[in-house]
Protein backbone atom coordinates (compact mmCIF):
# COMPACT_ATOMS: atom_id res chain seq x y z
CA UNK A 1 -15.12 -2.41 10.87
CA UNK A 2 -15.33 -3.80 7.32
CA UNK A 3 -18.53 -1.81 6.69
CA UNK A 4 -16.79 1.39 7.74
CA UNK A 5 -13.76 0.66 5.55
CA UNK A 6 -16.02 -0.04 2.54
CA UNK A 7 -17.45 3.48 2.86
CA UNK A 8 -14.07 5.22 2.73
CA UNK A 9 -13.30 6.43 -0.82
CA UNK A 10 -9.65 5.39 -0.56
CA UNK A 11 -7.48 2.31 -0.30
CA UNK A 12 -7.05 1.33 3.33
CA UNK A 13 -4.10 -0.92 4.01
CA UNK A 14 -1.81 -2.31 6.65
CA UNK A 15 1.84 -2.65 5.68
CA UNK A 16 3.74 -4.61 8.32
CA UNK A 17 7.45 -4.49 9.13
CA UNK A 18 8.65 -7.69 10.77
CA UNK A 19 11.68 -8.01 13.10
CA UNK A 20 13.53 -10.30 10.68
CA UNK A 21 13.42 -7.51 8.08
CA UNK A 22 10.55 -8.63 5.86
CA UNK A 23 7.77 -6.26 4.92
CA UNK A 24 4.40 -6.96 3.39
CA UNK A 25 0.81 -5.87 3.11
CA UNK A 26 -1.29 -7.73 5.66
CA UNK A 27 -4.54 -6.02 4.67
CA UNK A 28 -5.69 -4.14 1.57
CA UNK A 29 -9.28 -2.92 1.26
CA UNK A 30 -11.64 -3.86 -1.56
CA UNK A 31 -11.30 -0.37 -3.05
CA UNK A 32 -7.86 -1.32 -4.37
CA UNK A 33 -9.50 -3.03 -7.34
CA UNK A 34 -11.43 0.08 -8.35
CA UNK A 35 -8.81 2.69 -7.48
CA UNK A 36 -5.58 0.91 -8.35
CA UNK A 37 -6.78 -1.74 -10.76
CA UNK A 38 -5.13 -4.42 -8.63
CA UNK A 39 -7.02 -6.72 -6.31
CA UNK A 40 -6.07 -6.40 -2.63
CA UNK A 41 -5.24 -10.10 -2.41
CA UNK A 42 -2.82 -9.67 -5.30
CA UNK A 43 -1.00 -6.92 -3.40
CA UNK A 44 -0.91 -9.04 -0.27
CA UNK A 45 0.61 -11.93 -2.23
CA UNK A 46 2.99 -9.76 -4.28
CA UNK A 47 3.67 -6.27 -2.83
CA UNK A 48 5.99 -5.52 -5.77
CA UNK A 49 2.87 -5.12 -7.93
CA UNK A 50 2.49 -1.66 -6.44
CA UNK A 51 5.63 -0.58 -8.29
CA UNK A 52 4.07 -1.74 -11.55
CA UNK A 53 1.36 0.93 -11.32
CA UNK A 54 3.43 3.76 -9.84
CA UNK A 55 5.28 5.99 -12.30
CA UNK A 56 8.97 5.02 -12.53
CA UNK A 57 9.80 8.61 -11.53
CA UNK A 58 8.09 8.02 -8.18
CA UNK A 59 9.68 4.66 -7.24
CA UNK A 60 12.32 6.34 -5.06
CA UNK A 61 9.67 8.44 -3.30
CA UNK A 62 7.57 5.32 -2.75
CA UNK A 63 10.51 3.57 -1.08
CA UNK A 64 11.24 6.62 1.08
CA UNK A 65 7.60 6.90 2.13
CA UNK A 66 7.40 3.26 3.19
CA UNK A 67 10.75 3.52 4.99
CA UNK A 68 9.57 6.64 6.82
CA UNK A 69 6.35 4.86 7.70
CA UNK A 70 8.32 2.06 9.34
CA UNK A 71 9.92 4.59 11.68
CA UNK A 72 6.95 6.86 12.42
CA UNK A 73 4.01 4.48 11.95
CA UNK A 74 2.42 7.29 9.93
CA UNK A 75 2.67 8.34 6.36
CA UNK A 76 0.73 10.28 3.83
CA UNK A 77 1.72 10.25 0.21
CA UNK A 78 0.43 10.35 -3.33
CA UNK A 79 1.98 9.04 -6.51
CA UNK A 80 1.38 9.24 -10.22
CA UNK A 81 0.08 6.06 -11.74
């Protein structure tokens, strides 16, 4: 599976919503470093780093997208960085 993920020219991630209300990245592909400039492990350890690279104008849309994803288990979005 890792070999397949390495070939995808995008950041592949898993963002988990836990019953007690916490949310976090549980997986972020290696491409995060090249595409986002943030190592996947950094995002796993501190998901708020994502906000640091997303334009302030898009923070609300980012929150909406992740909230929608928690309900539908699907989401597709793009943001200015």
